[in-house]
Amino acid sequence: MADMQRPLSPHLQIYKWQVQMMTSILHRATGVALAVGTLLVLWGLLSLAGGEASFNQFKVCTGSPLGLVLLLGWSWALFYHLCNGIRHLIQDAGAGYAIPQFVRSSWLSVAGSIVLTVLVWAYALMAGGAA
């Protein structure tokens, strides 16, 4: 039987979240979200091949409030994963490992993904797209 009086790891009590940790977790989570969200894109392609009635049903689903939220989230995940992936490529080349640069590049990944998402959605909605 395990000793219940043994001390816990000290890092569990003093663990402080940092932006670098969150961006690392978000990078993994957006990778999963992209894989799952790609099923929605595949559904759209299959419905397009299935004929007009099938594609109209797809447009109804993706044009609903829930569908638009899912597409917005998927597009943000795509841009975040892209921006953070570029950050990782730069770091793989050996640049940006100082703590201030690491923090700045983490925030730039988040900000860049938000800006790209807003730009694409603004263009799509003004052009009459987005389902």
N, C-alpha and C. Protein backbone atom coordinates (compact mmCIF):
# COMPACT_ATOMS: atom_id res chain seq x y z
N MET A 1 0.84 -1.19 0.00
CA MET A 1 0.00 0.00 0.00
C MET A 1 0.89 1.25 0.00
N ALA A 2 0.50 2.25 -0.74
CA ALA A 2 1.30 3.47 -0.87
C ALA A 2 1.24 4.28 0.42
N ASP A 3 2.34 4.94 0.71
CA ASP A 3 2.40 5.80 1.89
C ASP A 3 1.63 7.09 1.60
N MET A 4 0.58 7.35 2.35
CA MET A 4 -0.27 8.52 2.12
C MET A 4 0.31 9.79 2.72
N GLN A 5 1.38 9.69 3.49
CA GLN A 5 1.98 10.86 4.14
C GLN A 5 3.15 11.44 3.33
N ARG A 6 3.44 10.85 2.21
CA ARG A 6 4.58 11.33 1.45
C ARG A 6 4.27 12.70 0.84
N PRO A 7 5.29 13.54 0.66
CA PRO A 7 5.05 14.88 0.10
C PRO A 7 4.75 14.82 -1.39
N LEU A 8 3.99 15.79 -1.84
CA LEU A 8 3.70 15.92 -3.27
C LEU A 8 4.86 16.63 -3.95
N SER A 9 4.92 16.53 -5.25
CA SER A 9 5.92 17.28 -6.00
C SER A 9 5.72 18.76 -5.73
N PRO A 10 6.78 19.49 -5.45
CA PRO A 10 6.60 20.91 -5.11
C PRO A 10 6.07 21.75 -6.26
N HIS A 11 6.30 21.33 -7.50
CA HIS A 11 5.84 22.16 -8.62
C HIS A 11 4.32 22.20 -8.71
N LEU A 12 3.63 21.24 -8.11
CA LEU A 12 2.17 21.24 -8.19
C LEU A 12 1.55 22.39 -7.42
N GLN A 13 2.21 22.85 -6.37
CA GLN A 13 1.66 23.95 -5.58
C GLN A 13 2.08 25.32 -6.11
N ILE A 14 3.20 25.39 -6.81
CA ILE A 14 3.71 26.70 -7.23
C ILE A 14 3.68 26.90 -8.74
N TYR A 15 2.98 26.04 -9.43
CA TYR A 15 2.93 26.08 -10.89
C TYR A 15 2.25 27.36 -11.35
N LYS A 16 2.91 28.13 -12.17
CA LYS A 16 2.35 29.39 -12.68
C LYS A 16 2.22 29.28 -14.20
N TRP A 17 1.00 29.51 -14.70
CA TRP A 17 0.77 29.43 -16.15
C TRP A 17 1.45 30.58 -16.85
N GLN A 18 2.02 30.28 -18.00
CA GLN A 18 2.68 31.28 -18.82
C GLN A 18 2.13 31.16 -20.24
N VAL A 19 2.29 32.22 -21.00
CA VAL A 19 1.74 32.25 -22.36
C VAL A 19 2.36 31.16 -23.22
N GLN A 20 3.63 30.85 -22.99
CA GLN A 20 4.29 29.82 -23.79
C GLN A 20 3.64 28.45 -23.58
N MET A 21 3.22 28.19 -22.35
CA MET A 21 2.56 26.91 -22.06
C MET A 21 1.21 26.85 -22.75
N MET A 22 0.48 27.95 -22.69
CA MET A 22 -0.85 27.97 -23.30
C MET A 22 -0.76 27.82 -24.83
N THR A 23 0.24 28.47 -25.44
CA THR A 23 0.35 28.36 -26.89
C THR A 23 0.76 26.95 -27.30
N SER A 24 1.54 26.29 -26.47
CA SER A 24 1.92 24.91 -26.76
C SER A 24 0.70 23.99 -26.69
N ILE A 25 -0.10 24.18 -25.66
CA ILE A 25 -1.33 23.38 -25.52
C ILE A 25 -2.30 23.70 -26.65
N LEU A 26 -2.45 24.99 -26.97
CA LEU A 26 -3.34 25.40 -28.05
C LEU A 26 -2.90 24.84 -29.40
N HIS A 27 -1.59 24.75 -29.60
CA HIS A 27 -1.09 24.21 -30.87
C HIS A 27 -1.54 22.76 -31.03
N ARG A 28 -1.44 22.00 -29.97
CA ARG A 28 -1.87 20.60 -30.02
C ARG A 28 -3.39 20.51 -30.18
N ALA A 29 -4.11 21.34 -29.42
CA ALA A 29 -5.58 21.31 -29.48
C ALA A 29 -6.10 21.74 -30.85
N THR A 30 -5.46 22.74 -31.45
CA THR A 30 -5.92 23.17 -32.77
C THR A 30 -5.58 22.13 -33.83
N GLY A 31 -4.52 21.38 -33.62
CA GLY A 31 -4.22 20.28 -34.54
C GLY A 31 -5.32 19.24 -34.52
N VAL A 32 -5.81 18.92 -33.32
CA VAL A 32 -6.92 17.97 -33.20
C VAL A 32 -8.19 18.57 -33.80
N ALA A 33 -8.45 19.85 -33.50
CA ALA A 33 -9.65 20.52 -34.03
C ALA A 33 -9.62 20.56 -35.56
N LEU A 34 -8.45 20.76 -36.13
CA LEU A 34 -8.34 20.77 -37.59
C LEU A 34 -8.64 19.40 -38.18
N ALA A 35 -8.16 18.36 -37.51
CA ALA A 35 -8.43 17.01 -38.00
C ALA A 35 -9.92 16.70 -37.95
N VAL A 36 -10.56 17.07 -36.84
CA VAL A 36 -12.00 16.82 -36.70
C VAL A 36 -12.79 17.73 -37.64
N GLY A 37 -12.40 19.01 -37.71
CA GLY A 37 -13.10 19.97 -38.57
C GLY A 37 -12.97 19.66 -40.04
N THR A 38 -11.93 18.95 -40.40
CA THR A 38 -11.76 18.57 -41.80
C THR A 38 -12.88 17.63 -42.24
N LEU A 39 -13.48 16.93 -41.29
CA LEU A 39 -14.63 16.09 -41.62
C LEU A 39 -15.79 16.94 -42.13
N LEU A 40 -15.94 18.16 -41.57
CA LEU A 40 -16.97 19.08 -42.05
C LEU A 40 -16.68 19.51 -43.49
N VAL A 41 -15.43 19.79 -43.77
CA VAL A 41 -15.04 20.15 -45.14
C VAL A 41 -15.27 18.97 -46.08
N LEU A 42 -14.93 17.78 -45.64
CA LEU A 42 -15.16 16.58 -46.45
C LEU A 42 -16.64 16.39 -46.72
N TRP A 43 -17.48 16.63 -45.70
CA TRP A 43 -18.92 16.54 -45.88
C TRP A 43 -19.37 17.51 -46.98
N GLY A 44 -18.82 18.73 -46.96
CA GLY A 44 -19.16 19.71 -47.99
C GLY A 44 -18.77 19.25 -49.38
N LEU A 45 -17.59 18.67 -49.50
CA LEU A 45 -17.16 18.18 -50.81
C LEU A 45 -18.01 17.01 -51.29
N LEU A 46 -18.34 16.11 -50.38
CA LEU A 46 -19.18 14.98 -50.76
C LEU A 46 -20.59 15.43 -51.12
N SER A 47 -21.12 16.41 -50.39
CA SER A 47 -22.46 16.90 -50.72
C SER A 47 -22.45 17.65 -52.06
N LEU A 48 -21.35 18.30 -52.36
CA LEU A 48 -21.23 18.97 -53.66
C LEU A 48 -21.25 17.94 -54.79
N ALA A 49 -20.58 16.83 -54.57
CA ALA A 49 -20.58 15.76 -55.57
C ALA A 49 -21.92 15.04 -55.62
N GLY A 50 -22.69 15.13 -54.53
CA GLY A 50 -23.97 14.42 -54.45
C GLY A 50 -25.12 15.11 -55.14
N GLY A 51 -24.92 16.31 -55.61
CA GLY A 51 -25.99 17.00 -56.32
C GLY A 51 -26.49 18.23 -55.58
N GLU A 52 -27.40 18.93 -56.24
CA GLU A 52 -27.87 20.22 -55.73
C GLU A 52 -28.63 20.08 -54.41
N ALA A 53 -29.50 19.09 -54.30
CA ALA A 53 -30.28 18.92 -53.07
C ALA A 53 -29.37 18.62 -51.89
N SER A 54 -28.39 17.79 -52.11
CA SER A 54 -27.44 17.44 -51.06
C SER A 54 -26.62 18.66 -50.63
N PHE A 55 -26.16 19.44 -51.60
CA PHE A 55 -25.37 20.62 -51.28
C PHE A 55 -26.23 21.70 -50.60
N ASN A 56 -27.49 21.82 -51.00
CA ASN A 56 -28.38 22.78 -50.33
C ASN A 56 -28.57 22.42 -48.87
N GLN A 57 -28.67 21.13 -48.56
CA GLN A 57 -28.77 20.70 -47.16
C GLN A 57 -27.50 21.07 -46.39
N PHE A 58 -26.36 20.89 -47.02
CA PHE A 58 -25.08 21.27 -46.41
C PHE A 58 -25.05 22.77 -46.14
N LYS A 59 -25.51 23.59 -47.10
CA LYS A 59 -25.52 25.03 -46.93
C LYS A 59 -26.45 25.45 -45.80
N VAL A 60 -27.58 24.76 -45.66
CA VAL A 60 -28.50 25.07 -44.56
C VAL A 60 -27.82 24.81 -43.22
N CYS A 61 -27.12 23.69 -43.12
CA CYS A 61 -26.46 23.34 -41.86
C CYS A 61 -25.31 24.30 -41.54
N THR A 62 -24.46 24.57 -42.52
CA THR A 62 -23.32 25.45 -42.26
C THR A 62 -23.72 26.92 -42.19
N GLY A 63 -24.87 27.27 -42.73
CA GLY A 63 -25.34 28.64 -42.66
C GLY A 63 -26.11 28.94 -41.38
N SER A 64 -26.39 27.91 -40.58
CA SER A 64 -27.07 28.12 -39.30
C SER A 64 -26.10 28.77 -38.32
N PRO A 65 -26.61 29.36 -37.23
CA PRO A 65 -25.71 29.97 -36.25
C PRO A 65 -24.65 28.99 -35.72
N LEU A 66 -25.06 27.77 -35.42
CA LEU A 66 -24.09 26.79 -34.93
C LEU A 66 -23.06 26.45 -36.01
N GLY A 67 -23.51 26.31 -37.24
CA GLY A 67 -22.59 26.02 -38.34
C GLY A 67 -21.58 27.13 -38.56
N LEU A 68 -22.05 28.38 -38.46
CA LEU A 68 -21.13 29.51 -38.63
C LEU A 68 -20.12 29.58 -37.50
N VAL A 69 -20.56 29.29 -36.28
CA VAL A 69 -19.62 29.28 -35.15
C VAL A 69 -18.58 28.19 -35.34
N LEU A 70 -19.01 27.01 -35.80
CA LEU A 70 -18.06 25.92 -36.05
C LEU A 70 -17.07 26.29 -37.15
N LEU A 71 -17.56 26.91 -38.22
CA LEU A 71 -16.66 27.32 -39.30
C LEU A 71 -15.71 28.43 -38.86
N LEU A 72 -16.21 29.35 -38.04
CA LEU A 72 -15.35 30.41 -37.50
C LEU A 72 -14.26 29.80 -36.63
N GLY A 73 -14.64 28.89 -35.75
CA GLY A 73 -13.66 28.22 -34.88
C GLY A 73 -12.65 27.42 -35.67
N TRP A 74 -13.14 26.74 -36.71
CA TRP A 74 -12.23 25.94 -37.54
C TRP A 74 -11.24 26.84 -38.27
N SER A 75 -11.73 27.96 -38.79
CA SER A 75 -10.82 28.86 -39.51
C SER A 75 -9.82 29.50 -38.55
N TRP A 76 -10.24 29.85 -37.32
CA TRP A 76 -9.28 30.37 -36.36
C TRP A 76 -8.24 29.31 -36.02
N ALA A 77 -8.68 28.07 -35.82
CA ALA A 77 -7.74 26.98 -35.52
C ALA A 77 -6.73 26.82 -36.65
N LEU A 78 -7.20 26.94 -37.88
CA LEU A 78 -6.31 26.83 -39.04
C LEU A 78 -5.25 27.93 -39.01
N PHE A 79 -5.68 29.17 -38.80
CA PHE A 79 -4.73 30.28 -38.81
C PHE A 79 -3.82 30.26 -37.58
N TYR A 80 -4.34 29.85 -36.43
CA TYR A 80 -3.48 29.76 -35.25
C TYR A 80 -2.42 28.68 -35.46
N HIS A 81 -2.83 27.53 -35.96
CA HIS A 81 -1.89 26.43 -36.18
C HIS A 81 -0.84 26.86 -37.21
N LEU A 82 -1.25 27.61 -38.22
CA LEU A 82 -0.32 28.11 -39.23
C LEU A 82 0.69 29.08 -38.60
N CYS A 83 0.19 30.09 -37.88
CA CYS A 83 1.08 31.09 -37.28
C CYS A 83 2.03 30.46 -36.27
N ASN A 84 1.50 29.59 -35.43
CA ASN A 84 2.34 28.97 -34.42
C ASN A 84 3.31 27.97 -35.05
N GLY A 85 2.90 27.33 -36.13
CA GLY A 85 3.80 26.43 -36.84
C GLY A 85 4.97 27.18 -37.45
N ILE A 86 4.71 28.37 -37.98
CA ILE A 86 5.79 29.21 -38.51
C ILE A 86 6.73 29.61 -37.38
N ARG A 87 6.16 29.94 -36.22
CA ARG A 87 6.98 30.27 -35.05
C ARG A 87 7.88 29.10 -34.68
N HIS A 88 7.33 27.89 -34.70
CA HIS A 88 8.13 26.71 -34.38
C HIS A 88 9.22 26.48 -35.42
N LEU A 89 8.94 26.72 -36.69
CA LEU A 89 9.96 26.57 -37.72
C LEU A 89 11.12 27.55 -37.50
N ILE A 90 10.78 28.78 -37.12
CA ILE A 90 11.82 29.77 -36.84
C ILE A 90 12.65 29.33 -35.64
N GLN A 91 11.98 28.81 -34.62
CA GLN A 91 12.72 28.33 -33.45
C GLN A 91 13.54 27.09 -33.77
N ASP A 92 13.06 26.26 -34.67
CA ASP A 92 13.84 25.09 -35.10
C ASP A 92 15.12 25.51 -35.80
N ALA A 93 15.10 26.69 -36.41
CA ALA A 93 16.30 27.21 -37.06
C ALA A 93 17.27 27.81 -36.04
N GLY A 94 16.86 27.86 -34.77
CA GLY A 94 17.75 28.34 -33.72
C GLY A 94 17.54 29.77 -33.29
N ALA A 95 16.50 30.42 -33.77
CA ALA A 95 16.24 31.81 -33.41
C ALA A 95 15.07 31.91 -32.44
N GLY A 96 15.09 32.97 -31.63
CA GLY A 96 13.95 33.26 -30.78
C GLY A 96 13.85 32.46 -29.50
N TYR A 97 14.97 32.02 -28.95
CA TYR A 97 14.91 31.22 -27.73
C TYR A 97 15.08 32.02 -26.45
N ALA A 98 15.42 33.30 -26.55
CA ALA A 98 15.46 34.13 -25.35
C ALA A 98 14.04 34.28 -24.82
N ILE A 99 13.89 34.32 -23.52
CA ILE A 99 12.56 34.35 -22.90
C ILE A 99 11.70 35.50 -23.44
N PRO A 100 12.21 36.74 -23.52
CA PRO A 100 11.36 37.82 -24.06
C PRO A 100 10.91 37.56 -25.50
N GLN A 101 11.80 37.01 -26.32
CA GLN A 101 11.43 36.70 -27.70
C GLN A 101 10.41 35.57 -27.75
N PHE A 102 10.56 34.62 -26.86
CA PHE A 102 9.63 33.49 -26.80
C PHE A 102 8.23 33.97 -26.44
N VAL A 103 8.15 34.85 -25.44
CA VAL A 103 6.85 35.39 -25.01
C VAL A 103 6.25 36.24 -26.12
N ARG A 104 7.07 37.10 -26.73
CA ARG A 104 6.57 37.98 -27.80
C ARG A 104 6.07 37.16 -29.00
N SER A 105 6.81 36.14 -29.38
CA SER A 105 6.38 35.34 -30.53
C SER A 105 5.12 34.54 -30.20
N SER A 106 4.97 34.16 -28.94
CA SER A 106 3.74 33.46 -28.54
C SER A 106 2.53 34.37 -28.70
N TRP A 107 2.65 35.61 -28.21
CA TRP A 107 1.55 36.56 -28.34
C TRP A 107 1.31 36.93 -29.80
N LEU A 108 2.37 37.00 -30.60
CA LEU A 108 2.20 37.30 -32.02
C LEU A 108 1.45 36.20 -32.74
N SER A 109 1.66 34.96 -32.34
CA SER A 109 0.91 33.84 -32.94
C SER A 109 -0.58 33.99 -32.67
N VAL A 110 -0.91 34.34 -31.44
CA VAL A 110 -2.33 34.51 -31.08
C VAL A 110 -2.92 35.70 -31.82
N ALA A 111 -2.22 36.84 -31.77
CA ALA A 111 -2.74 38.05 -32.42
C ALA A 111 -2.82 37.87 -33.94
N GLY A 112 -1.81 37.27 -34.53
CA GLY A 112 -1.82 37.05 -35.98
C GLY A 112 -2.97 36.17 -36.42
N SER A 113 -3.25 35.14 -35.64
CA SER A 113 -4.35 34.25 -36.01
C SER A 113 -5.70 34.96 -35.91
N ILE A 114 -5.85 35.81 -34.92
CA ILE A 114 -7.11 36.56 -34.78
C ILE A 114 -7.27 37.54 -35.95
N VAL A 115 -6.20 38.24 -36.28
CA VAL A 115 -6.25 39.21 -37.39
C VAL A 115 -6.58 38.49 -38.71
N LEU A 116 -5.90 37.39 -38.98
CA LEU A 116 -6.16 36.65 -40.23
C LEU A 116 -7.59 36.12 -40.28
N THR A 117 -8.08 35.63 -39.16
CA THR A 117 -9.46 35.12 -39.12
C THR A 117 -10.46 36.24 -39.39
N VAL A 118 -10.27 37.38 -38.74
CA VAL A 118 -11.17 38.52 -38.95
C VAL A 118 -11.12 38.98 -40.40
N LEU A 119 -9.93 39.07 -40.98
CA LEU A 119 -9.81 39.51 -42.37
C LEU A 119 -10.51 38.56 -43.34
N VAL A 120 -10.31 37.27 -43.17
CA VAL A 120 -10.93 36.30 -44.07
C VAL A 120 -12.44 36.32 -43.92
N TRP A 121 -12.93 36.37 -42.68
CA TRP A 121 -14.38 36.37 -42.47
C TRP A 121 -15.01 37.67 -42.93
N ALA A 122 -14.33 38.79 -42.73
CA ALA A 122 -14.86 40.06 -43.21
C ALA A 122 -14.97 40.04 -44.73
N TYR A 123 -13.95 39.52 -45.39
CA TYR A 123 -13.98 39.42 -46.85
C TYR A 123 -15.10 38.48 -47.30
N ALA A 124 -15.20 37.32 -46.67
CA ALA A 124 -16.21 36.33 -47.07
C ALA A 124 -17.63 36.87 -46.87
N LEU A 125 -17.86 37.53 -45.75
CA LEU A 125 -19.21 38.04 -45.47
C LEU A 125 -19.56 39.23 -46.36
N MET A 126 -18.57 40.08 -46.65
CA MET A 126 -18.84 41.22 -47.53
C MET A 126 -19.02 40.79 -48.98
N ALA A 127 -18.37 39.70 -49.35
CA ALA A 127 -18.49 39.20 -50.72
C ALA A 127 -19.72 38.32 -50.89
N GLY A 128 -20.46 38.11 -49.80
CA GLY A 128 -21.67 37.31 -49.88
C GLY A 128 -21.42 35.83 -49.75
N GLY A 129 -20.26 35.45 -49.26
CA GLY A 129 -19.93 34.03 -49.12
C GLY A 129 -20.27 33.51 -47.75
N ALA A 130 -19.53 32.56 -47.28
CA ALA A 130 -19.69 31.91 -45.98
C ALA A 130 -21.05 31.23 -45.88
N ALA A 131 -21.31 30.35 -46.83
CA ALA A 131 -22.55 29.55 -46.87
C ALA A 131 -23.70 30.48 -47.04
